[in-house]
PDB file of N, CA and C in Angstrom:
ATOM      1  N   MET A   1      68.008  -4.896  92.150  1.00  0.00           N
ATOM      2  CA  MET A   1      68.849  -4.928  90.929  1.00  0.00           C
ATOM      3  C   MET A   1      68.152  -4.340  89.846  1.00  0.00           C
ATOM      4  N   PRO A   2      69.013  -3.632  88.932  1.00  0.00           N
ATOM      5  CA  PRO A   2      68.487  -3.075  87.802  1.00  0.00           C
ATOM      6  C   PRO A   2      67.906  -4.258  86.852  1.00  0.00           C
ATOM      7  N   ASP A   3      66.802  -3.895  86.112  1.00  0.00           N
ATOM      8  CA  ASP A   3      66.223  -4.964  85.183  1.00  0.00           C
ATOM      9  C   ASP A   3      66.566  -4.647  83.648  1.00  0.00           C
ATOM     10  N   GLY A   4      67.419  -3.597  83.638  1.00  0.00           N
ATOM     11  CA  GLY A   4      67.739  -3.306  82.195  1.00  0.00           C
ATOM     12  C   GLY A   4      66.875  -2.361  81.470  1.00  0.00           C
ATOM     13  N   ARG A   5      65.704  -2.057  82.118  1.00  0.00           N
ATOM     14  CA  ARG A   5      64.739  -1.197  81.262  1.00  0.00           C
ATOM     15  C   ARG A   5      65.144   0.112  81.337  1.00  0.00           C
ATOM     16  N   VAL A   6      64.814   0.779  80.172  1.00  0.00           N
ATOM     17  CA  VAL A   6      64.985   2.350  80.075  1.00  0.00           C
ATOM     18  C   VAL A   6      63.764   3.130  80.434  1.00  0.00           C
ATOM     19  N   HIS A   7      63.754   3.906  81.403  1.00  0.00           N
ATOM     20  CA  HIS A   7      62.643   4.835  81.420  1.00  0.00           C
ATOM     21  C   HIS A   7      62.958   6.177  81.044  1.00  0.00           C
ATOM     22  N   PHE A   8      61.912   6.738  80.375  1.00  0.00           N
ATOM     23  CA  PHE A   8      61.899   7.986  79.891  1.00  0.00           C
ATOM     24  C   PHE A   8      61.224   9.170  80.482  1.00  0.00           C
ATOM     25  N   ALA A   9      61.590  10.340  80.796  1.00  0.00           N
ATOM     26  CA  ALA A   9      60.863  11.525  81.339  1.00  0.00           C
ATOM     27  C   ALA A   9      60.547  12.469  80.363  1.00  0.00           C
ATOM     28  N   VAL A  10      59.299  12.934  80.218  1.00  0.00           N
ATOM     29  CA  VAL A  10      59.034  13.920  79.350  1.00  0.00           C
ATOM     30  C   VAL A  10      58.725  15.160  80.147  1.00  0.00           C
ATOM     31  N   ILE A  11      59.419  16.480  80.037  1.00  0.00           N
ATOM     32  CA  ILE A  11      59.160  17.413  80.488  1.00  0.00           C
ATOM     33  C   ILE A  11      58.793  18.589  79.565  1.00  0.00           C
ATOM     34  N   ILE A  12      57.575  19.208  79.811  1.00  0.00           N
ATOM     35  CA  ILE A  12      57.178  20.126  78.940  1.00  0.00           C
ATOM     36  C   ILE A  12      57.144  21.488  79.495  1.00  0.00           C
ATOM     37  N   TRP A  13      57.794  22.586  78.997  1.00  0.00           N
ATOM     38  CA  TRP A  13      57.882  23.657  79.485  1.00  0.00           C
ATOM     39  C   TRP A  13      57.750  24.872  78.539  1.00  0.00           C
ATOM     40  N   ILE A  14      56.527  25.764  78.799  1.00  0.00           N
ATOM     41  CA  ILE A  14      56.320  26.648  77.840  1.00  0.00           C
ATOM     42  C   ILE A  14      56.910  28.026  78.244  1.00  0.00           C
ATOM     43  N   PRO A  15      57.819  28.456  77.459  1.00  0.00           N
ATOM     44  CA  PRO A  15      58.575  29.747  77.849  1.00  0.00           C
ATOM     45  C   PRO A  15      57.304  30.850  77.900  1.00  0.00           C
ATOM     46  N   PRO A  16      57.949  31.897  78.868  1.00  0.00           N
ATOM     47  CA  PRO A  16      56.765  33.129  79.054  1.00  0.00           C
ATOM     48  C   PRO A  16      56.255  33.864  77.906  1.00  0.00           C
ATOM     49  N   GLU A  17      57.139  33.862  76.801  1.00  0.00           N
ATOM     50  CA  GLU A  17      56.640  34.556  75.669  1.00  0.00           C
ATOM     51  C   GLU A  17      55.803  33.827  74.929  1.00  0.00           C
ATOM     52  N   CYS A  18      55.621  32.405  75.058  1.00  0.00           N
ATOM     53  CA  CYS A  18      54.636  31.570  74.410  1.00  0.00           C
ATOM     54  C   CYS A  18      53.386  31.197  75.164  1.00  0.00           C
ATOM     55  N   ARG A  19      53.242  31.819  76.114  1.00  0.00           N
ATOM     56  CA  ARG A  19      52.312  31.434  77.010  1.00  0.00           C
ATOM     57  C   ARG A  19      50.814  32.098  76.819  1.00  0.00           C
ATOM     58  N   TRP A  20      50.673  32.911  75.632  1.00  0.00           N
ATOM     59  CA  TRP A  20      49.546  33.362  75.054  1.00  0.00           C
ATOM     60  C   TRP A  20      48.631  32.266  74.485  1.00  0.00           C
ATOM     61  N   VAL A  21      49.148  30.990  74.337  1.00  0.00           N
ATOM     62  CA  VAL A  21      48.294  29.967  73.834  1.00  0.00           C
ATOM     63  C   VAL A  21      47.146  29.594  74.930  1.00  0.00           C
ATOM     64  N   ARG A  22      47.618  29.941  76.222  1.00  0.00           N
ATOM     65  CA  ARG A  22      46.629  29.500  77.389  1.00  0.00           C
ATOM     66  C   ARG A  22      45.487  30.561  77.441  1.00  0.00           C
ATOM     67  N   HIS A  23      45.739  31.710  76.767  1.00  0.00           N
ATOM     68  CA  HIS A  23      44.687  32.857  76.826  1.00  0.00           C
ATOM     69  C   HIS A  23      43.880  33.078  75.749  1.00  0.00           C
ATOM     70  N   ARG A  24      42.915  33.861  75.857  1.00  0.00           N
ATOM     71  CA  ARG A  24      42.061  34.415  74.731  1.00  0.00           C
ATOM     72  C   ARG A  24      42.865  35.143  73.727  1.00  0.00           C
ATOM     73  N   SER A  25      43.547  36.152  74.620  1.00  0.00           N
ATOM     74  CA  SER A  25      44.261  37.108  73.635  1.00  0.00           C
ATOM     75  C   SER A  25      45.423  36.463  73.094  1.00  0.00           C
ATOM     76  N   GLY A  26      45.921  37.036  72.052  1.00  0.00           N
ATOM     77  CA  GLY A  26      47.190  36.615  71.298  1.00  0.00           C
ATOM     78  C   GLY A  26      46.836  36.765  69.838  1.00  0.00           C
ATOM     79  N   PRO A  27      47.899  36.628  69.025  1.00  0.00           N
ATOM     80  CA  PRO A  27      47.767  36.671  67.702  1.00  0.00           C
ATOM     81  C   PRO A  27      47.114  35.622  67.007  1.00  0.00           C
ATOM     82  N   PRO A  28      46.139  35.971  66.001  1.00  0.00           N
ATOM     83  CA  PRO A  28      45.435  34.847  65.308  1.00  0.00           C
ATOM     84  C   PRO A  28      46.317  33.695  64.433  1.00  0.00           C
ATOM     85  N   MET A  29      45.897  32.689  64.273  1.00  0.00           N
ATOM     86  CA  MET A  29      46.728  31.639  63.615  1.00  0.00           C
ATOM     87  C   MET A  29      46.219  31.885  62.063  1.00  0.00           C
ATOM     88  N   ASP A  30      47.233  32.031  60.976  1.00  0.00           N
ATOM     89  CA  ASP A  30      46.794  31.886  59.768  1.00  0.00           C
ATOM     90  C   ASP A  30      46.179  30.490  59.378  1.00  0.00           C
ATOM     91  N   PRO A  31      44.933  30.452  58.965  1.00  0.00           N
ATOM     92  CA  PRO A  31      44.479  28.993  58.632  1.00  0.00           C
ATOM     93  C   PRO A  31      45.054  28.204  57.645  1.00  0.00           C
ATOM     94  N   GLN A  32      45.963  28.737  56.673  1.00  0.00           N
ATOM     95  CA  GLN A  32      46.850  27.876  55.772  1.00  0.00           C
ATOM     96  C   GLN A  32      47.887  27.146  56.656  1.00  0.00           C
ATOM     97  N   THR A  33      48.541  27.950  57.611  1.00  0.00           N
ATOM     98  CA  THR A  33      49.670  27.441  58.350  1.00  0.00           C
ATOM     99  C   THR A  33      49.000  26.415  59.343  1.00  0.00           C
ATOM    100  N   GLY A  34      47.808  26.506  59.750  1.00  0.00           N
ATOM    101  CA  GLY A  34      47.159  25.691  60.589  1.00  0.00           C
ATOM    102  C   GLY A  34      46.941  24.427  59.895  1.00  0.00           C
ATOM    103  N   ARG A  35      46.501  24.219  58.649  1.00  0.00           N
ATOM    104  CA  ARG A  35      46.264  23.184  58.110  1.00  0.00           C
ATOM    105  C   ARG A  35      47.489  22.358  57.622  1.00  0.00           C
ATOM    106  N   THR A  36      48.635  23.157  57.265  1.00  0.00           N
ATOM    107  CA  THR A  36      49.739  22.477  57.148  1.00  0.00           C
ATOM    108  C   THR A  36      50.500  21.860  58.228  1.00  0.00           C
ATOM    109  N   GLY A  37      50.001  22.408  59.581  1.00  0.00           N
ATOM    110  CA  GLY A  37      50.435  21.687  60.802  1.00  0.00           C
ATOM    111  C   GLY A  37      49.596  20.451  61.082  1.00  0.00           C
ATOM    112  N   ILE A  38      48.317  20.524  60.729  1.00  0.00           N
ATOM    113  CA  ILE A  38      47.344  19.615  60.944  1.00  0.00           C
ATOM    114  C   ILE A  38      47.971  18.437  59.965  1.00  0.00           C
ATOM    115  N   ALA A  39      48.294  18.445  58.737  1.00  0.00           N
ATOM    116  CA  ALA A  39      48.763  17.632  57.837  1.00  0.00           C
ATOM    117  C   ALA A  39      49.916  16.956  58.454  1.00  0.00           C
ATOM    118  N   ALA A  40      50.874  17.777  59.135  1.00  0.00           N
ATOM    119  CA  ALA A  40      51.989  17.149  59.581  1.00  0.00           C
ATOM    120  C   ALA A  40      51.662  16.253  60.857  1.00  0.00           C
ATOM    121  N   ALA A  41      50.744  16.611  61.640  1.00  0.00           N
ATOM    122  CA  ALA A  41      50.256  16.008  62.829  1.00  0.00           C
ATOM    123  C   ALA A  41      49.809  14.714  62.408  1.00  0.00           C
ATOM    124  N   LEU A  42      48.747  14.682  61.460  1.00  0.00           N
ATOM    125  CA  LEU A  42      48.269  13.521  60.932  1.00  0.00           C
ATOM    126  C   LEU A  42      49.178  12.599  60.367  1.00  0.00           C
ATOM    127  N   PHE A  43      50.129  13.054  59.709  1.00  0.00           N
ATOM    128  CA  PHE A  43      51.354  12.103  59.131  1.00  0.00           C
ATOM    129  C   PHE A  43      52.064  11.400  60.283  1.00  0.00           C
ATOM    130  N   MET A  44      52.292  12.309  61.412  1.00  0.00           N
ATOM    131  CA  MET A  44      52.914  11.497  62.688  1.00  0.00           C
ATOM    132  C   MET A  44      52.067  10.682  63.234  1.00  0.00           C
ATOM    133  N   ILE A  45      50.703  10.755  63.382  1.00  0.00           N
ATOM    134  CA  ILE A  45      49.772   9.932  63.825  1.00  0.00           C
ATOM    135  C   ILE A  45      49.860   8.665  63.011  1.00  0.00           C
ATOM    136  N   ILE A  46      49.526   8.716  61.729  1.00  0.00           N
ATOM    137  CA  ILE A  46      49.388   7.650  60.923  1.00  0.00           C
ATOM    138  C   ILE A  46      50.587   6.670  60.966  1.00  0.00           C
ATOM    139  N   THR A  47      51.860   7.287  60.638  1.00  0.00           N
ATOM    140  CA  THR A  47      53.093   6.589  60.602  1.00  0.00           C
ATOM    141  C   THR A  47      53.532   5.761  61.805  1.00  0.00           C
ATOM    142  N   SER A  48      53.202   6.513  62.986  1.00  0.00           N
ATOM    143  CA  SER A  48      53.541   5.744  64.214  1.00  0.00           C
ATOM    144  C   SER A  48      52.526   4.578  64.521  1.00  0.00           C
ATOM    145  N   MET A  49      51.120   4.790  64.276  1.00  0.00           N
ATOM    146  CA  MET A  49      50.044   3.689  64.128  1.00  0.00           C
ATOM    147  C   MET A  49      50.470   2.407  63.361  1.00  0.00           C
ATOM    148  N   MET A  50      50.955   2.931  62.312  1.00  0.00           N
ATOM    149  CA  MET A  50      51.446   1.897  61.213  1.00  0.00           C
ATOM    150  C   MET A  50      52.762   1.048  61.613  1.00  0.00           C
ATOM    151  N   LEU A  51      53.475   1.561  62.583  1.00  0.00           N
ATOM    152  CA  LEU A  51      54.831   0.976  62.877  1.00  0.00           C
ATOM    153  C   LEU A  51      54.579   0.328  64.370  1.00  0.00           C
ATOM    154  N   ILE A  52      53.609   0.602  64.948  1.00  0.00           N
ATOM    155  CA  ILE A  52      53.593   0.041  66.454  1.00  0.00           C
ATOM    156  C   ILE A  52      53.224  -1.712  66.335  1.00  0.00           C
ATOM    157  N   PRO A  53      52.432  -1.966  65.439  1.00  0.00           N
ATOM    158  CA  PRO A  53      52.109  -3.484  65.592  1.00  0.00           C
ATOM    159  C   PRO A  53      53.437  -4.396  65.177  1.00  0.00           C
ATOM    160  N   PHE A  54      54.558  -3.808  64.485  1.00  0.00           N
ATOM    161  CA  PHE A  54      55.232  -4.531  63.925  1.00  0.00           C
ATOM    162  C   PHE A  54      56.617  -4.325  64.882  1.00  0.00           C
ATOM    163  N   GLN A  55      56.522  -3.896  66.045  1.00  0.00           N
ATOM    164  CA  GLN A  55      57.596  -3.749  66.997  1.00  0.00           C
ATOM    165  C   GLN A  55      57.473  -4.615  68.293  1.00  0.00           C
ATOM    166  N   ASP A  56      58.574  -5.021  68.822  1.00  0.00           N
ATOM    167  CA  ASP A  56      58.513  -5.870  70.032  1.00  0.00           C
ATOM    168  C   ASP A  56      58.040  -4.793  71.074  1.00  0.00           C
ATOM    169  N   PRO A  57      57.135  -5.004  72.067  1.00  0.00           N
ATOM    170  CA  PRO A  57      56.820  -4.113  73.025  1.00  0.00           C
ATOM    171  C   PRO A  57      57.945  -3.828  74.068  1.00  0.00           C
ATOM    172  N   ASP A  58      58.739  -4.539  74.182  1.00  0.00           N
ATOM    173  CA  ASP A  58      59.868  -4.263  75.247  1.00  0.00           C
ATOM    174  C   ASP A  58      61.073  -3.439  74.519  1.00  0.00           C
ATOM    175  N   SER A  59      60.740  -3.136  73.164  1.00  0.00           N
ATOM    176  CA  SER A  59      62.136  -2.478  72.380  1.00  0.00           C
ATOM    177  C   SER A  59      62.061  -0.814  72.607  1.00  0.00           C
ATOM    178  N   ALA A  60      63.113  -0.156  72.381  1.00  0.00           N
ATOM    179  CA  ALA A  60      63.000   1.378  72.630  1.00  0.00           C
ATOM    180  C   ALA A  60      62.274   1.934  71.526  1.00  0.00           C
ATOM    181  N   SER A  61      62.342   1.090  70.246  1.00  0.00           N
ATOM    182  CA  SER A  61      61.756   1.840  69.038  1.00  0.00           C
ATOM    183  C   SER A  61      60.111   1.801  69.290  1.00  0.00           C
ATOM    184  N   PHE A  62      59.624   0.870  70.118  1.00  0.00           N
ATOM    185  CA  PHE A  62      58.303   0.922  70.346  1.00  0.00           C
ATOM    186  C   PHE A  62      57.807   1.889  71.162  1.00  0.00           C
ATOM    187  N   VAL A  63      58.746   2.157  72.153  1.00  0.00           N
ATOM    188  CA  VAL A  63      58.360   3.412  72.948  1.00  0.00           C
ATOM    189  C   VAL A  63      58.485   4.610  72.211  1.00  0.00           C
ATOM    190  N   LEU A  64      59.459   4.882  71.372  1.00  0.00           N
ATOM    191  CA  LEU A  64      59.586   6.075  70.739  1.00  0.00           C
ATOM    192  C   LEU A  64      58.317   6.039  69.741  1.00  0.00           C
ATOM    193  N   SER A  65      57.759   5.047  69.061  1.00  0.00           N
ATOM    194  CA  SER A  65      56.560   5.249  68.297  1.00  0.00           C
ATOM    195  C   SER A  65      55.300   5.602  69.143  1.00  0.00           C
ATOM    196  N   VAL A  66      55.200   5.154  70.420  1.00  0.00           N
ATOM    197  CA  VAL A  66      54.050   5.528  71.218  1.00  0.00           C
ATOM    198  C   VAL A  66      54.340   7.162  71.576  1.00  0.00           C
ATOM    199  N   LEU A  67      55.576   7.506  71.837  1.00  0.00           N
ATOM    200  CA  LEU A  67      55.715   8.914  72.386  1.00  0.00           C
ATOM    201  C   LEU A  67      55.330   9.836  70.890  1.00  0.00           C
ATOM    202  N   THR A  68      55.745   9.240  69.740  1.00  0.00           N
ATOM    203  CA  THR A  68      55.571   9.981  68.715  1.00  0.00           C
ATOM    204  C   THR A  68      53.932   9.990  68.438  1.00  0.00           C
ATOM    205  N   LEU A  69      53.195   9.005  68.786  1.00  0.00           N
ATOM    206  CA  LEU A  69      51.691   9.008  68.463  1.00  0.00           C
ATOM    207  C   LEU A  69      51.202   9.869  69.393  1.00  0.00           C
ATOM    208  N   GLY A  70      51.553  10.006  70.688  1.00  0.00           N
ATOM    209  CA  GLY A  70      51.001  10.732  71.729  1.00  0.00           C
ATOM    210  C   GLY A  70      51.420  12.414  71.378  1.00  0.00           C
ATOM    211  N   MET A  71      52.622  12.554  70.858  1.00  0.00           N
ATOM    212  CA  MET A  71      53.073  13.898  70.490  1.00  0.00           C
ATOM    213  C   MET A  71      52.127  14.439  69.319  1.00  0.00           C
ATOM    214  N   GLY A  72      51.867  13.532  68.322  1.00  0.00           N
ATOM    215  CA  GLY A  72      51.011  14.042  67.156  1.00  0.00           C
ATOM    216  C   GLY A  72      49.768  14.137  67.640  1.00  0.00           C
ATOM    217  N   ILE A  73      49.105  13.428  68.496  1.00  0.00           N
ATOM    218  CA  ILE A  73      47.671  13.676  68.923  1.00  0.00           C
ATOM    219  C   ILE A  73      47.706  14.981  69.717  1.00  0.00           C
ATOM    220  N   ILE A  74      48.529  15.330  70.554  1.00  0.00           N
ATOM    221  CA  ILE A  74      48.616  16.571  71.128  1.00  0.00           C
ATOM    222  C   ILE A  74      48.831  17.754  70.351  1.00  0.00           C
ATOM    223  N   PHE A  75      49.649  17.503  69.292  1.00  0.00           N
ATOM    224  CA  PHE A  75      49.815  18.661  68.415  1.00  0.00           C
ATOM    225  C   PHE A  75      48.605  18.724  67.614  1.00  0.00           C
ATOM    226  N   PHE A  76      47.988  17.877  67.256  1.00  0.00           N
ATOM    227  CA  PHE A  76      46.593  18.044  66.349  1.00  0.00           C
ATOM    228  C   PHE A  76      45.822  18.627  67.154  1.00  0.00           C
ATOM    229  N   VAL A  77      45.406  18.314  68.457  1.00  0.00           N
ATOM    230  CA  VAL A  77      44.362  18.969  69.259  1.00  0.00           C
ATOM    231  C   VAL A  77      44.742  20.465  69.386  1.00  0.00           C
ATOM    232  N   ILE A  78      45.881  20.995  69.714  1.00  0.00           N
ATOM    233  CA  ILE A  78      46.263  22.287  69.929  1.00  0.00           C
ATOM    234  C   ILE A  78      46.028  23.060  68.693  1.00  0.00           C
ATOM    235  N   LEU A  79      46.391  22.344  67.445  1.00  0.00           N
ATOM    236  CA  LEU A  79      46.043  23.327  66.304  1.00  0.00           C
ATOM    237  C   LEU A  79      44.660  23.286  65.888  1.00  0.00           C
ATOM    238  N   VAL A  80      43.868  22.375  66.216  1.00  0.00           N
ATOM    239  CA  VAL A  80      42.423  22.448  65.995  1.00  0.00           C
ATOM    240  C   VAL A  80      42.041  23.494  66.924  1.00  0.00           C
ATOM    241  N   ILE A  81      42.203  23.515  68.158  1.00  0.00           N
ATOM    242  CA  ILE A  81      41.786  24.505  69.015  1.00  0.00           C
ATOM    243  C   ILE A  81      42.373  26.057  68.677  1.00  0.00           C
ATOM    244  N   MET A  82      43.551  26.179  68.163  1.00  0.00           N
ATOM    245  CA  MET A  82      44.106  27.391  67.804  1.00  0.00           C
ATOM    246  C   MET A  82      43.315  27.812  66.639  1.00  0.00           C
ATOM    247  N   ILE A  83      43.065  26.977  65.599  1.00  0.00           N
ATOM    248  CA  ILE A  83      42.420  27.331  64.247  1.00  0.00           C
ATOM    249  C   ILE A  83      40.894  27.663  64.627  1.00  0.00           C
ATOM    250  N   ARG A  84      40.334  27.154  65.522  1.00  0.00           N
ATOM    251  CA  ARG A  84      38.889  27.446  65.909  1.00  0.00           C
ATOM    252  C   ARG A  84      38.726  28.761  66.452  1.00  0.00           C
ATOM    253  N   ARG A  85      39.681  29.276  67.377  1.00  0.00           N
ATOM    254  CA  ARG A  85      39.797  30.307  68.014  1.00  0.00           C
ATOM    255  C   ARG A  85      40.062  31.451  67.013  1.00  0.00           C
ATOM    256  N   SER A  86      40.946  31.386  65.985  1.00  0.00           N
ATOM    257  CA  SER A  86      41.145  32.415  65.052  1.00  0.00           C
ATOM    258  C   SER A  86      40.228  32.609  64.065  1.00  0.00           C
ATOM    259  N   LEU A  87      39.240  31.487  63.815  1.00  0.00           N
ATOM    260  CA  LEU A  87      38.125  31.690  62.880  1.00  0.00           C
ATOM    261  C   LEU A  87      36.928  32.485  63.232  1.00  0.00           C
ATOM    262  N   GLY A  88      36.908  32.340  64.751  1.00  0.00           N
ATOM    263  CA  GLY A  88      35.826  33.146  65.298  1.00  0.00           C
ATOM    264  C   GLY A  88      35.364  32.197  66.468  1.00  0.00           C
TER     265      GLY A  88
END
């Protein structure tokens, strides 16, 4: 019997033209663009961490807040790695 839960599937696909992220070669990132992205990622992380405690763990908004937190952390880590590679 279905229990009424909603299951989410997250599929990440990197197009062939964007696969330079996985290799050392590729265009360097502008540090200012990276700092702006890091600020956006930190905003995602902080706001989702503030919202999680006030939500019912069985609700869809709780799941979306957790997904937003995870995406913000992944976004932050990728940007830090790309900035470190572009600076030397």
